[in-house]
Every structure is written in structure tokens, then in C-alpha cells.
Amino acid sequence: MADTAVREALKDRLTERLSRLGLTPDDLTDDLDLVRSGILDSLGFVDLITDLEGATGKHVDLERALGHRKATTVAGVISMFVDA
């Protein structure tokens, strides 16, 4: 799946949460950390990855992926699926 398709899937799934925080999908910059920013908690992050797996048909080794320092950033999530 291409970078833009994963980015759009991510925006679709986070729009409601972003809205509650006064943010828009345009605020999802590559370096935004979804957990540290409070957009998602750790369980919400795992749910997001599971949802994206279903949408993309790709399986992510979450334990391995979370070993990377920037795994919970927008760019980190996108790379999990582009590189899978």
C-alpha cells in the first residue's frame, strides 16, 4: 500500500478524535507522536494498528515495530505498513 493511501486511512480513523481535541487531519504531520500528544493512549494505538491491518490486508509485527524510537509518530505508523 502506498504512503498516501496509508496516510488517508490514518486520517479517516483519527478525524473524530482529532476534532475532540480541537485539531484537524491537517495537524497529522509526520513527526506528530500519536501517543505522547494524547490523541491515542497505548490501547488506542494498538487498536489503530489492528484496524489498519484489516484495511490494508498487511500484518505488522507490532513488538518489532515498537522497538523503533519513533514508532508512534504518524511517519512511524505509515512506515509500518509501507515497509510490511
PDB file of N, CA and C in Angstrom:
ATOM      1  N   MET A   1       0.850  -1.178   0.000  1.00  0.00           N
ATOM      2  CA  MET A   1       0.000   0.000   0.000  1.00  0.00           C
ATOM      3  C   MET A   1       0.891   1.234   0.000  1.00  0.00           C
ATOM      4  N   ALA A   2       0.511   2.197  -0.781  1.00  0.00           N
ATOM      5  CA  ALA A   2       1.310   3.410  -0.918  1.00  0.00           C
ATOM      6  C   ALA A   2       1.180   4.305   0.308  1.00  0.00           C
ATOM      7  N   ASP A   3       2.199   5.111   0.493  1.00  0.00           N
ATOM      8  CA  ASP A   3       2.269   6.067   1.592  1.00  0.00           C
ATOM      9  C   ASP A   3       0.992   6.907   1.687  1.00  0.00           C
ATOM     10  N   THR A   4       0.521   7.435   0.561  1.00  0.00           N
ATOM     11  CA  THR A   4      -0.651   8.314   0.586  1.00  0.00           C
ATOM     12  C   THR A   4      -1.912   7.561   0.998  1.00  0.00           C
ATOM     13  N   ALA A   5      -2.037   6.320   0.594  1.00  0.00           N
ATOM     14  CA  ALA A   5      -3.215   5.533   0.962  1.00  0.00           C
ATOM     15  C   ALA A   5      -3.229   5.242   2.462  1.00  0.00           C
ATOM     16  N   VAL A   6      -2.076   4.933   3.040  1.00  0.00           N
ATOM     17  CA  VAL A   6      -1.987   4.692   4.479  1.00  0.00           C
ATOM     18  C   VAL A   6      -2.271   5.986   5.230  1.00  0.00           C
ATOM     19  N   ARG A   7      -1.730   7.082   4.748  1.00  0.00           N
ATOM     20  CA  ARG A   7      -1.954   8.390   5.384  1.00  0.00           C
ATOM     21  C   ARG A   7      -3.450   8.729   5.387  1.00  0.00           C
ATOM     22  N   GLU A   8      -4.127   8.492   4.275  1.00  0.00           N
ATOM     23  CA  GLU A   8      -5.564   8.771   4.195  1.00  0.00           C
ATOM     24  C   GLU A   8      -6.354   7.852   5.126  1.00  0.00           C
ATOM     25  N   ALA A   9      -5.980   6.584   5.199  1.00  0.00           N
ATOM     26  CA  ALA A   9      -6.648   5.647   6.111  1.00  0.00           C
ATOM     27  C   ALA A   9      -6.449   6.094   7.556  1.00  0.00           C
ATOM     28  N   LEU A  10      -5.276   6.566   7.871  1.00  0.00           N
ATOM     29  CA  LEU A  10      -4.963   7.065   9.207  1.00  0.00           C
ATOM     30  C   LEU A  10      -5.824   8.298   9.522  1.00  0.00           C
ATOM     31  N   LYS A  11      -5.902   9.221   8.587  1.00  0.00           N
ATOM     32  CA  LYS A  11      -6.728  10.422   8.785  1.00  0.00           C
ATOM     33  C   LYS A  11      -8.193  10.053   8.997  1.00  0.00           C
ATOM     34  N   ASP A  12      -8.695   9.129   8.186  1.00  0.00           N
ATOM     35  CA  ASP A  12     -10.091   8.707   8.308  1.00  0.00           C
ATOM     36  C   ASP A  12     -10.387   8.155   9.699  1.00  0.00           C
ATOM     37  N   ARG A  13      -9.468   7.387  10.226  1.00  0.00           N
ATOM     38  CA  ARG A  13      -9.687   6.744  11.518  1.00  0.00           C
ATOM     39  C   ARG A  13      -9.493   7.674  12.708  1.00  0.00           C
ATOM     40  N   LEU A  14      -8.779   8.762  12.516  1.00  0.00           N
ATOM     41  CA  LEU A  14      -8.486   9.654  13.636  1.00  0.00           C
ATOM     42  C   LEU A  14      -9.255  10.978  13.611  1.00  0.00           C
ATOM     43  N   THR A  15     -10.029  11.228  12.577  1.00  0.00           N
ATOM     44  CA  THR A  15     -10.708  12.514  12.435  1.00  0.00           C
ATOM     45  C   THR A  15     -11.562  12.862  13.652  1.00  0.00           C
ATOM     46  N   GLU A  16     -12.342  11.927  14.142  1.00  0.00           N
ATOM     47  CA  GLU A  16     -13.218  12.207  15.279  1.00  0.00           C
ATOM     48  C   GLU A  16     -12.414  12.539  16.534  1.00  0.00           C
ATOM     49  N   ARG A  17     -11.379  11.763  16.805  1.00  0.00           N
ATOM     50  CA  ARG A  17     -10.526  12.032  17.970  1.00  0.00           C
ATOM     51  C   ARG A  17      -9.849  13.397  17.855  1.00  0.00           C
ATOM     52  N   LEU A  18      -9.362  13.696  16.670  1.00  0.00           N
ATOM     53  CA  LEU A  18      -8.705  14.977  16.448  1.00  0.00           C
ATOM     54  C   LEU A  18      -9.679  16.126  16.693  1.00  0.00           C
ATOM     55  N   SER A  19     -10.882  15.973  16.208  1.00  0.00           N
ATOM     56  CA  SER A  19     -11.896  17.009  16.357  1.00  0.00           C
ATOM     57  C   SER A  19     -12.179  17.289  17.831  1.00  0.00           C
ATOM     58  N   ARG A  20     -12.250  16.236  18.638  1.00  0.00           N
ATOM     59  CA  ARG A  20     -12.491  16.419  20.073  1.00  0.00           C
ATOM     60  C   ARG A  20     -11.374  17.214  20.750  1.00  0.00           C
ATOM     61  N   LEU A  21     -10.187  17.178  20.171  1.00  0.00           N
ATOM     62  CA  LEU A  21      -9.041  17.898  20.735  1.00  0.00           C
ATOM     63  C   LEU A  21      -8.825  19.262  20.071  1.00  0.00           C
ATOM     64  N   GLY A  22      -9.741  19.629  19.192  1.00  0.00           N
ATOM     65  CA  GLY A  22      -9.612  20.910  18.502  1.00  0.00           C
ATOM     66  C   GLY A  22      -8.600  20.878  17.376  1.00  0.00           C
ATOM     67  N   LEU A  23      -8.330  19.695  16.848  1.00  0.00           N
ATOM     68  CA  LEU A  23      -7.360  19.521  15.764  1.00  0.00           C
ATOM     69  C   LEU A  23      -8.074  19.084  14.497  1.00  0.00           C
ATOM     70  N   THR A  24      -7.375  19.161  13.387  1.00  0.00           N
ATOM     71  CA  THR A  24      -7.901  18.704  12.100  1.00  0.00           C
ATOM     72  C   THR A  24      -6.953  17.649  11.533  1.00  0.00           C
ATOM     73  N   PRO A  25      -7.398  16.904  10.527  1.00  0.00           N
ATOM     74  CA  PRO A  25      -6.492  15.934   9.891  1.00  0.00           C
ATOM     75  C   PRO A  25      -5.216  16.573   9.347  1.00  0.00           C
ATOM     76  N   ASP A  26      -5.250  17.856   9.031  1.00  0.00           N
ATOM     77  CA  ASP A  26      -4.041  18.539   8.555  1.00  0.00           C
ATOM     78  C   ASP A  26      -2.978  18.661   9.643  1.00  0.00           C
ATOM     79  N   ASP A  27      -3.381  18.493  10.898  1.00  0.00           N
ATOM     80  CA  ASP A  27      -2.433  18.542  12.011  1.00  0.00           C
ATOM     81  C   ASP A  27      -1.630  17.243  12.153  1.00  0.00           C
ATOM     82  N   LEU A  28      -1.971  16.229  11.359  1.00  0.00           N
ATOM     83  CA  LEU A  28      -1.246  14.961  11.417  1.00  0.00           C
ATOM     84  C   LEU A  28       0.048  15.050  10.607  1.00  0.00           C
ATOM     85  N   THR A  29       0.994  15.774  11.137  1.00  0.00           N
ATOM     86  CA  THR A  29       2.297  15.894  10.486  1.00  0.00           C
ATOM     87  C   THR A  29       3.118  14.646  10.785  1.00  0.00           C
ATOM     88  N   ASP A  30       4.119  14.389   9.970  1.00  0.00           N
ATOM     89  CA  ASP A  30       4.916  13.173  10.110  1.00  0.00           C
ATOM     90  C   ASP A  30       5.533  13.004  11.494  1.00  0.00           C
ATOM     91  N   ASP A  31       5.931  14.090  12.126  1.00  0.00           N
ATOM     92  CA  ASP A  31       6.619  13.980  13.415  1.00  0.00           C
ATOM     93  C   ASP A  31       5.673  14.009  14.623  1.00  0.00           C
ATOM     94  N   LEU A  32       4.362  14.117  14.384  1.00  0.00           N
ATOM     95  CA  LEU A  32       3.403  14.119  15.487  1.00  0.00           C
ATOM     96  C   LEU A  32       3.350  12.736  16.130  1.00  0.00           C
ATOM     97  N   ASP A  33       3.593  12.683  17.426  1.00  0.00           N
ATOM     98  CA  ASP A  33       3.521  11.423  18.163  1.00  0.00           C
ATOM     99  C   ASP A  33       2.084  11.247  18.642  1.00  0.00           C
ATOM    100  N   LEU A  34       1.433  10.209  18.163  1.00  0.00           N
ATOM    101  CA  LEU A  34       0.022   9.994  18.440  1.00  0.00           C
ATOM    102  C   LEU A  34      -0.253   9.666  19.906  1.00  0.00           C
ATOM    103  N   VAL A  35       0.706   9.070  20.584  1.00  0.00           N
ATOM    104  CA  VAL A  35       0.531   8.707  21.990  1.00  0.00           C
ATOM    105  C   VAL A  35       0.950   9.870  22.896  1.00  0.00           C
ATOM    106  N   ARG A  36       2.120  10.379  22.679  1.00  0.00           N
ATOM    107  CA  ARG A  36       2.616  11.471  23.529  1.00  0.00           C
ATOM    108  C   ARG A  36       1.764  12.740  23.422  1.00  0.00           C
ATOM    109  N   SER A  37       1.123  12.939  22.283  1.00  0.00           N
ATOM    110  CA  SER A  37       0.274  14.116  22.091  1.00  0.00           C
ATOM    111  C   SER A  37      -1.079  13.956  22.783  1.00  0.00           C
ATOM    112  N   GLY A  38      -1.413  12.730  23.176  1.00  0.00           N
ATOM    113  CA  GLY A  38      -2.702  12.479  23.823  1.00  0.00           C
ATOM    114  C   GLY A  38      -3.819  12.136  22.861  1.00  0.00           C
ATOM    115  N   ILE A  39      -3.513  12.043  21.581  1.00  0.00           N
ATOM    116  CA  ILE A  39      -4.537  11.672  20.608  1.00  0.00           C
ATOM    117  C   ILE A  39      -4.989  10.241  20.866  1.00  0.00           C
ATOM    118  N   LEU A  40      -4.031   9.371  21.167  1.00  0.00           N
ATOM    119  CA  LEU A  40      -4.321   7.968  21.480  1.00  0.00           C
ATOM    120  C   LEU A  40      -3.613   7.574  22.771  1.00  0.00           C
ATOM    121  N   ASP A  41      -4.218   6.650  23.509  1.00  0.00           N
ATOM    122  CA  ASP A  41      -3.487   6.021  24.601  1.00  0.00           C
ATOM    123  C   ASP A  41      -2.885   4.736  24.024  1.00  0.00           C
ATOM    124  N   SER A  42      -2.181   3.976  24.834  1.00  0.00           N
ATOM    125  CA  SER A  42      -1.478   2.804  24.306  1.00  0.00           C
ATOM    126  C   SER A  42      -2.446   1.770  23.729  1.00  0.00           C
ATOM    127  N   LEU A  43      -3.581   1.571  24.378  1.00  0.00           N
ATOM    128  CA  LEU A  43      -4.565   0.619  23.854  1.00  0.00           C
ATOM    129  C   LEU A  43      -5.177   1.145  22.557  1.00  0.00           C
ATOM    130  N   GLY A  44      -5.456   2.434  22.519  1.00  0.00           N
ATOM    131  CA  GLY A  44      -5.983   3.033  21.303  1.00  0.00           C
ATOM    132  C   GLY A  44      -5.013   2.913  20.142  1.00  0.00           C
ATOM    133  N   PHE A  45      -3.709   2.987  20.449  1.00  0.00           N
ATOM    134  CA  PHE A  45      -2.697   2.843  19.406  1.00  0.00           C
ATOM    135  C   PHE A  45      -2.715   1.426  18.842  1.00  0.00           C
ATOM    136  N   VAL A  46      -2.789   0.438  19.728  1.00  0.00           N
ATOM    137  CA  VAL A  46      -2.842  -0.964  19.278  1.00  0.00           C
ATOM    138  C   VAL A  46      -4.119  -1.192  18.462  1.00  0.00           C
ATOM    139  N   ASP A  47      -5.243  -0.635  18.910  1.00  0.00           N
ATOM    140  CA  ASP A  47      -6.495  -0.754  18.151  1.00  0.00           C
ATOM    141  C   ASP A  47      -6.359  -0.127  16.764  1.00  0.00           C
ATOM    142  N   LEU A  48      -5.698   1.016  16.683  1.00  0.00           N
ATOM    143  CA  LEU A  48      -5.477   1.673  15.395  1.00  0.00           C
ATOM    144  C   LEU A  48      -4.677   0.772  14.458  1.00  0.00           C
ATOM    145  N   ILE A  49      -3.604   0.188  14.966  1.00  0.00           N
ATOM    146  CA  ILE A  49      -2.766  -0.685  14.135  1.00  0.00           C
ATOM    147  C   ILE A  49      -3.575  -1.892  13.657  1.00  0.00           C
ATOM    148  N   THR A  50      -4.364  -2.468  14.555  1.00  0.00           N
ATOM    149  CA  THR A  50      -5.206  -3.617  14.188  1.00  0.00           C
ATOM    150  C   THR A  50      -6.211  -3.228  13.112  1.00  0.00           C
ATOM    151  N   ASP A  51      -6.820  -2.066  13.259  1.00  0.00           N
ATOM    152  CA  ASP A  51      -7.777  -1.569  12.279  1.00  0.00           C
ATOM    153  C   ASP A  51      -7.103  -1.337  10.928  1.00  0.00           C
ATOM    154  N   LEU A  52      -5.918  -0.748  10.948  1.00  0.00           N
ATOM    155  CA  LEU A  52      -5.181  -0.513   9.700  1.00  0.00           C
ATOM    156  C   LEU A  52      -4.739  -1.829   9.062  1.00  0.00           C
ATOM    157  N   GLU A  53      -4.431  -2.830   9.869  1.00  0.00           N
ATOM    158  CA  GLU A  53      -4.097  -4.144   9.318  1.00  0.00           C
ATOM    159  C   GLU A  53      -5.276  -4.696   8.523  1.00  0.00           C
ATOM    160  N   GLY A  54      -6.476  -4.566   9.086  1.00  0.00           N
ATOM    161  CA  GLY A  54      -7.661  -5.032   8.380  1.00  0.00           C
ATOM    162  C   GLY A  54      -7.912  -4.257   7.101  1.00  0.00           C
ATOM    163  N   ALA A  55      -7.676  -2.961   7.156  1.00  0.00           N
ATOM    164  CA  ALA A  55      -7.913  -2.113   5.985  1.00  0.00           C
ATOM    165  C   ALA A  55      -6.894  -2.347   4.881  1.00  0.00           C
ATOM    166  N   THR A  56      -5.657  -2.640   5.260  1.00  0.00           N
ATOM    167  CA  THR A  56      -4.590  -2.786   4.264  1.00  0.00           C
ATOM    168  C   THR A  56      -4.336  -4.227   3.852  1.00  0.00           C
ATOM    169  N   GLY A  57      -4.794  -5.163   4.680  1.00  0.00           N
ATOM    170  CA  GLY A  57      -4.517  -6.570   4.408  1.00  0.00           C
ATOM    171  C   GLY A  57      -3.086  -6.954   4.741  1.00  0.00           C
ATOM    172  N   LYS A  58      -2.376  -6.088   5.452  1.00  0.00           N
ATOM    173  CA  LYS A  58      -0.988  -6.351   5.835  1.00  0.00           C
ATOM    174  C   LYS A  58      -0.917  -6.611   7.327  1.00  0.00           C
ATOM    175  N   HIS A  59      -0.015  -7.507   7.713  1.00  0.00           N
ATOM    176  CA  HIS A  59       0.209  -7.802   9.123  1.00  0.00           C
ATOM    177  C   HIS A  59       1.484  -7.093   9.562  1.00  0.00           C
ATOM    178  N   VAL A  60       1.405  -6.459  10.718  1.00  0.00           N
ATOM    179  CA  VAL A  60       2.546  -5.742  11.273  1.00  0.00           C
ATOM    180  C   VAL A  60       3.019  -6.468  12.517  1.00  0.00           C
ATOM    181  N   ASP A  61       4.315  -6.713  12.604  1.00  0.00           N
ATOM    182  CA  ASP A  61       4.904  -7.258  13.826  1.00  0.00           C
ATOM    183  C   ASP A  61       5.039  -6.089  14.794  1.00  0.00           C
ATOM    184  N   LEU A  62       4.003  -5.890  15.600  1.00  0.00           N
ATOM    185  CA  LEU A  62       3.928  -4.706  16.453  1.00  0.00           C
ATOM    186  C   LEU A  62       5.052  -4.657  17.474  1.00  0.00           C
ATOM    187  N   GLU A  63       5.414  -5.792  18.021  1.00  0.00           N
ATOM    188  CA  GLU A  63       6.505  -5.809  19.006  1.00  0.00           C
ATOM    189  C   GLU A  63       7.806  -5.309  18.384  1.00  0.00           C
ATOM    190  N   ARG A  64       8.093  -5.790  17.198  1.00  0.00           N
ATOM    191  CA  ARG A  64       9.311  -5.353  16.498  1.00  0.00           C
ATOM    192  C   ARG A  64       9.206  -3.885  16.095  1.00  0.00           C
ATOM    193  N   ALA A  65       8.038  -3.506  15.597  1.00  0.00           N
ATOM    194  CA  ALA A  65       7.847  -2.128  15.141  1.00  0.00           C
ATOM    195  C   ALA A  65       7.970  -1.134  16.290  1.00  0.00           C
ATOM    196  N   LEU A  66       7.471  -1.491  17.461  1.00  0.00           N
ATOM    197  CA  LEU A  66       7.530  -0.585  18.599  1.00  0.00           C
ATOM    198  C   LEU A  66       8.928  -0.455  19.168  1.00  0.00           C
ATOM    199  N   GLY A  67       9.847  -1.264  18.697  1.00  0.00           N
ATOM    200  CA  GLY A  67      11.235  -1.150  19.116  1.00  0.00           C
ATOM    201  C   GLY A  67      11.908   0.090  18.563  1.00  0.00           C
ATOM    202  N   HIS A  68      11.318   0.684  17.548  1.00  0.00           N
ATOM    203  CA  HIS A  68      11.873   1.897  16.957  1.00  0.00           C
ATOM    204  C   HIS A  68      11.403   3.110  17.751  1.00  0.00           C
ATOM    205  N   ARG A  69      12.287   4.030  17.948  1.00  0.00           N
ATOM    206  CA  ARG A  69      12.035   5.198  18.797  1.00  0.00           C
ATOM    207  C   ARG A  69      10.834   6.024  18.339  1.00  0.00           C
ATOM    208  N   LYS A  70      10.614   6.135  17.065  1.00  0.00           N
ATOM    209  CA  LYS A  70       9.540   6.991  16.551  1.00  0.00           C
ATOM    210  C   LYS A  70       8.359   6.181  16.027  1.00  0.00           C
ATOM    211  N   ALA A  71       8.148   5.010  16.575  1.00  0.00           N
ATOM    212  CA  ALA A  71       7.101   4.116  16.088  1.00  0.00           C
ATOM    213  C   ALA A  71       5.704   4.691  16.230  1.00  0.00           C
ATOM    214  N   THR A  72       5.469   5.519  17.233  1.00  0.00           N
ATOM    215  CA  THR A  72       4.123   6.038  17.460  1.00  0.00           C
ATOM    216  C   THR A  72       3.877   7.387  16.778  1.00  0.00           C
ATOM    217  N   THR A  73       4.817   7.827  15.942  1.00  0.00           N
ATOM    218  CA  THR A  73       4.591   9.039  15.164  1.00  0.00           C
ATOM    219  C   THR A  73       3.795   8.683  13.908  1.00  0.00           C
ATOM    220  N   VAL A  74       3.235   9.686  13.273  1.00  0.00           N
ATOM    221  CA  VAL A  74       2.500   9.468  12.035  1.00  0.00           C
ATOM    222  C   VAL A  74       3.402   8.783  11.007  1.00  0.00           C
ATOM    223  N   ALA A  75       4.620   9.280  10.845  1.00  0.00           N
ATOM    224  CA  ALA A  75       5.561   8.676   9.892  1.00  0.00           C
ATOM    225  C   ALA A  75       5.891   7.241  10.277  1.00  0.00           C
ATOM    226  N   GLY A  76       6.011   6.979  11.580  1.00  0.00           N
ATOM    227  CA  GLY A  76       6.301   5.623  12.055  1.00  0.00           C
ATOM    228  C   GLY A  76       5.188   4.655  11.712  1.00  0.00           C
ATOM    229  N   VAL A  77       3.954   5.082  11.908  1.00  0.00           N
ATOM    230  CA  VAL A  77       2.809   4.222  11.589  1.00  0.00           C
ATOM    231  C   VAL A  77       2.759   3.961  10.087  1.00  0.00           C
ATOM    232  N   ILE A  78       2.943   4.997   9.308  1.00  0.00           N
ATOM    233  CA  ILE A  78       2.915   4.829   7.853  1.00  0.00           C
ATOM    234  C   ILE A  78       4.004   3.862   7.409  1.00  0.00           C
ATOM    235  N   SER A  79       5.190   3.991   7.955  1.00  0.00           N
ATOM    236  CA  SER A  79       6.287   3.110   7.546  1.00  0.00           C
ATOM    237  C   SER A  79       6.031   1.655   7.934  1.00  0.00           C
ATOM    238  N   MET A  80       5.288   1.430   9.020  1.00  0.00           N
ATOM    239  CA  MET A  80       4.955   0.052   9.401  1.00  0.00           C
ATOM    240  C   MET A  80       4.210  -0.657   8.274  1.00  0.00           C
ATOM    241  N   PHE A  81       3.358   0.078   7.587  1.00  0.00           N
ATOM    242  CA  PHE A  81       2.526  -0.535   6.546  1.00  0.00           C
ATOM    243  C   PHE A  81       3.136  -0.448   5.167  1.00  0.00           C
ATOM    244  N   VAL A  82       3.900   0.581   4.896  1.00  0.00           N
ATOM    245  CA  VAL A  82       4.556   0.697   3.593  1.00  0.00           C
ATOM    246  C   VAL A  82       5.684  -0.328   3.511  1.00  0.00           C
ATOM    247  N   ASP A  83       6.381  -0.529   4.626  1.00  0.00           N
ATOM    248  CA  ASP A  83       7.510  -1.453   4.656  1.00  0.00           C
ATOM    249  C   ASP A  83       7.120  -2.894   4.935  1.00  0.00           C
ATOM    250  N   ALA A  84       5.839  -3.138   5.292  1.00  0.00           N
ATOM    251  CA  ALA A  84       5.408  -4.505   5.643  1.00  0.00           C
ATOM    252  C   ALA A  84       5.323  -5.395   4.435  1.00  0.00           C
TER     253      ALA A  84
END
